[in-house]
């Protein structure tokens, strides 16, 4: 989550630099914005697929393996949650569209909030796993 906020700081520093030097930001390319929004939505879809694939239980899984799967799924989920903000940062640097960066950054933070690991969910998932056998 902190990295998304750091991206916002980078955006503001670059904006200030453009304003102080009188340099114009890159001109927006019309179809580019929709492609980047599409990429951000794609990452949101991929999160569900990846989590489902990683958290799939098998007969041979013990408690330690299941805990590893849970940790790995949360790590990968947060990497993918950060992707829309990164896409927004690229969109800003490439086309100077800072409002779109903020929309995508808020989207990233919202998805991070939704998928934030909650102890009771972990406990319930691991509890179901132990009764699975």
Protein backbone atom coordinates (compact mmCIF):
# COMPACT_ATOMS: atom_id res chain seq x y z
CA UNK A 1 0.00 0.00 0.00
CA UNK A 2 2.88 2.30 0.75
CA UNK A 3 4.29 1.82 -2.73
CA UNK A 4 1.05 3.13 -4.28
CA UNK A 5 1.38 6.24 -2.13
CA UNK A 6 5.02 6.58 -3.22
CA UNK A 7 3.86 6.47 -6.84
CA UNK A 8 1.59 9.44 -6.06
CA UNK A 9 4.58 11.32 -4.64
CA UNK A 10 6.54 10.58 -7.84
CA UNK A 11 3.62 11.84 -9.95
CA UNK A 12 3.44 15.09 -7.98
CA UNK A 13 7.21 15.64 -8.18
CA UNK A 14 7.18 15.15 -11.95
CA UNK A 15 4.14 17.46 -12.28
CA UNK A 16 5.91 20.16 -10.28
CA UNK A 17 9.04 19.74 -12.38
CA UNK A 18 7.01 20.12 -15.58
CA UNK A 19 5.34 23.24 -14.20
CA UNK A 20 8.53 24.85 -12.87
CA UNK A 21 10.50 24.35 -16.07
CA UNK A 22 7.62 25.32 -18.32
CA UNK A 23 7.96 21.98 -20.05
CA UNK A 24 4.72 20.59 -21.34
CA UNK A 25 3.76 17.05 -20.36
CA UNK A 26 3.58 14.53 -23.17
CA UNK A 27 0.45 14.86 -25.27
CA UNK A 28 -2.19 12.23 -24.57
CA UNK A 29 -2.81 9.59 -27.18
CA UNK A 30 -6.56 9.02 -27.53
CA UNK A 31 -6.81 5.23 -27.66
CA UNK A 32 -3.99 4.76 -25.16
CA UNK A 33 -6.14 5.55 -22.13
CA UNK A 34 -8.66 2.81 -22.89
CA UNK A 35 -5.91 0.24 -23.41
CA UNK A 36 -4.42 1.03 -20.01
CA UNK A 37 -7.81 0.89 -18.29
CA UNK A 38 -8.36 -2.46 -19.98
CA UNK A 39 -5.01 -3.70 -18.70
CA UNK A 40 -5.93 -2.63 -15.16
CA UNK A 41 -9.25 -4.47 -15.37
CA UNK A 42 -7.44 -7.51 -16.72
CA UNK A 43 -5.23 -7.59 -13.60
CA UNK A 44 -8.32 -7.46 -11.40
CA UNK A 45 -9.69 -10.50 -13.21
CA UNK A 46 -6.35 -12.32 -12.96
CA UNK A 47 -6.30 -11.89 -9.18
CA UNK A 48 -9.35 -14.12 -8.77
CA UNK A 49 -7.96 -16.78 -11.11
CA UNK A 50 -4.55 -16.87 -9.45
CA UNK A 51 -5.97 -17.02 -5.93
CA UNK A 52 -8.29 -19.84 -6.89
CA UNK A 53 -5.45 -21.80 -8.51
CA UNK A 54 -3.05 -21.36 -5.59
CA UNK A 55 -5.60 -22.06 -2.87
CA UNK A 56 -6.81 -25.27 -4.48
CA UNK A 57 -6.56 -28.03 -1.89
CA UNK A 58 -5.28 -31.49 -2.62
CA UNK A 59 -5.47 -34.69 -0.58
CA UNK A 60 -1.78 -34.65 0.29
CA UNK A 61 -1.71 -31.12 1.71
CA UNK A 62 -0.76 -30.88 5.36
CA UNK A 63 -1.28 -27.85 7.60
CA UNK A 64 2.15 -26.41 6.80
CA UNK A 65 1.59 -26.72 3.03
CA UNK A 66 -1.80 -25.06 3.32
CA UNK A 67 -0.33 -22.20 5.33
CA UNK A 68 2.35 -21.76 2.66
CA UNK A 69 -0.35 -21.66 -0.03
CA UNK A 70 -2.23 -19.04 1.94
CA UNK A 71 0.84 -16.83 2.37
CA UNK A 72 1.83 -17.22 -1.29
CA UNK A 73 -1.66 -16.37 -2.51
CA UNK A 74 -1.71 -13.20 -0.41
CA UNK A 75 1.73 -12.12 -1.61
CA UNK A 76 0.84 -12.63 -5.26
CA UNK A 77 -2.55 -10.99 -4.73
CA UNK A 78 -0.93 -7.82 -3.42
CA UNK A 79 1.58 -7.74 -6.26
CA UNK A 80 -1.32 -7.96 -8.71
CA UNK A 81 -3.33 -5.38 -6.73
CA UNK A 82 -0.49 -2.93 -7.25
CA UNK A 83 -0.54 -3.42 -11.01
CA UNK A 84 -3.34 -0.91 -11.80
CA UNK A 85 -1.37 1.82 -9.98
CA UNK A 86 1.74 0.89 -11.96
CA UNK A 87 -0.27 0.99 -15.18
CA UNK A 88 -1.52 4.44 -14.14
CA UNK A 89 2.03 5.59 -13.45
CA UNK A 90 3.11 4.47 -16.90
CA UNK A 91 0.07 6.22 -18.39
CA UNK A 92 1.04 9.42 -16.56
CA UNK A 93 4.70 9.32 -17.58
CA UNK A 94 3.87 8.42 -21.17
CA UNK A 95 0.91 10.75 -21.72
CA UNK A 96 0.86 13.21 -18.80
CA UNK A 97 -2.57 12.01 -17.65
CA UNK A 98 -2.33 12.49 -13.90
CA UNK A 99 -6.07 12.20 -13.22
CA UNK A 100 -6.06 8.73 -14.73
CA UNK A 101 -3.16 7.78 -12.50
CA UNK A 102 -5.16 8.75 -9.44
CA UNK A 103 -8.23 6.82 -10.62
CA UNK A 104 -6.12 3.70 -11.11
CA UNK A 105 -4.27 4.22 -7.82
CA UNK A 106 -7.56 4.44 -5.93
CA UNK A 107 -8.65 1.30 -7.75
CA UNK A 108 -5.48 -0.45 -6.55
CA UNK A 109 -6.01 0.68 -2.97
CA UNK A 110 -9.64 -0.41 -3.07
CA UNK A 111 -8.72 -3.88 -4.33
CA UNK A 112 -5.99 -4.10 -1.68
CA UNK A 113 -8.59 -3.28 0.95
CA UNK A 114 -10.94 -5.95 -0.42
CA UNK A 115 -8.24 -8.63 -0.47
CA UNK A 116 -6.52 -7.51 2.73
CA UNK A 117 -5.70 -10.69 4.69
CA UNK A 118 -8.01 -11.11 7.64
CA UNK A 119 -7.09 -13.47 10.40
CA UNK A 120 -10.61 -14.89 10.74
CA UNK A 121 -10.66 -15.75 7.01
CA UNK A 122 -7.30 -17.46 7.29
CA UNK A 123 -8.46 -19.31 10.38
CA UNK A 124 -11.69 -20.42 8.70
CA UNK A 125 -9.88 -21.56 5.55
CA UNK A 126 -7.28 -23.51 7.54
CA UNK A 127 -9.99 -24.92 9.79
CA UNK A 128 -11.93 -26.18 6.80
CA UNK A 129 -8.70 -27.64 5.48
CA UNK A 130 -8.10 -29.65 8.63
CA UNK A 131 -11.65 -31.02 8.52
CA UNK A 132 -11.14 -31.73 4.80
CA UNK A 133 -9.26 -34.89 5.76
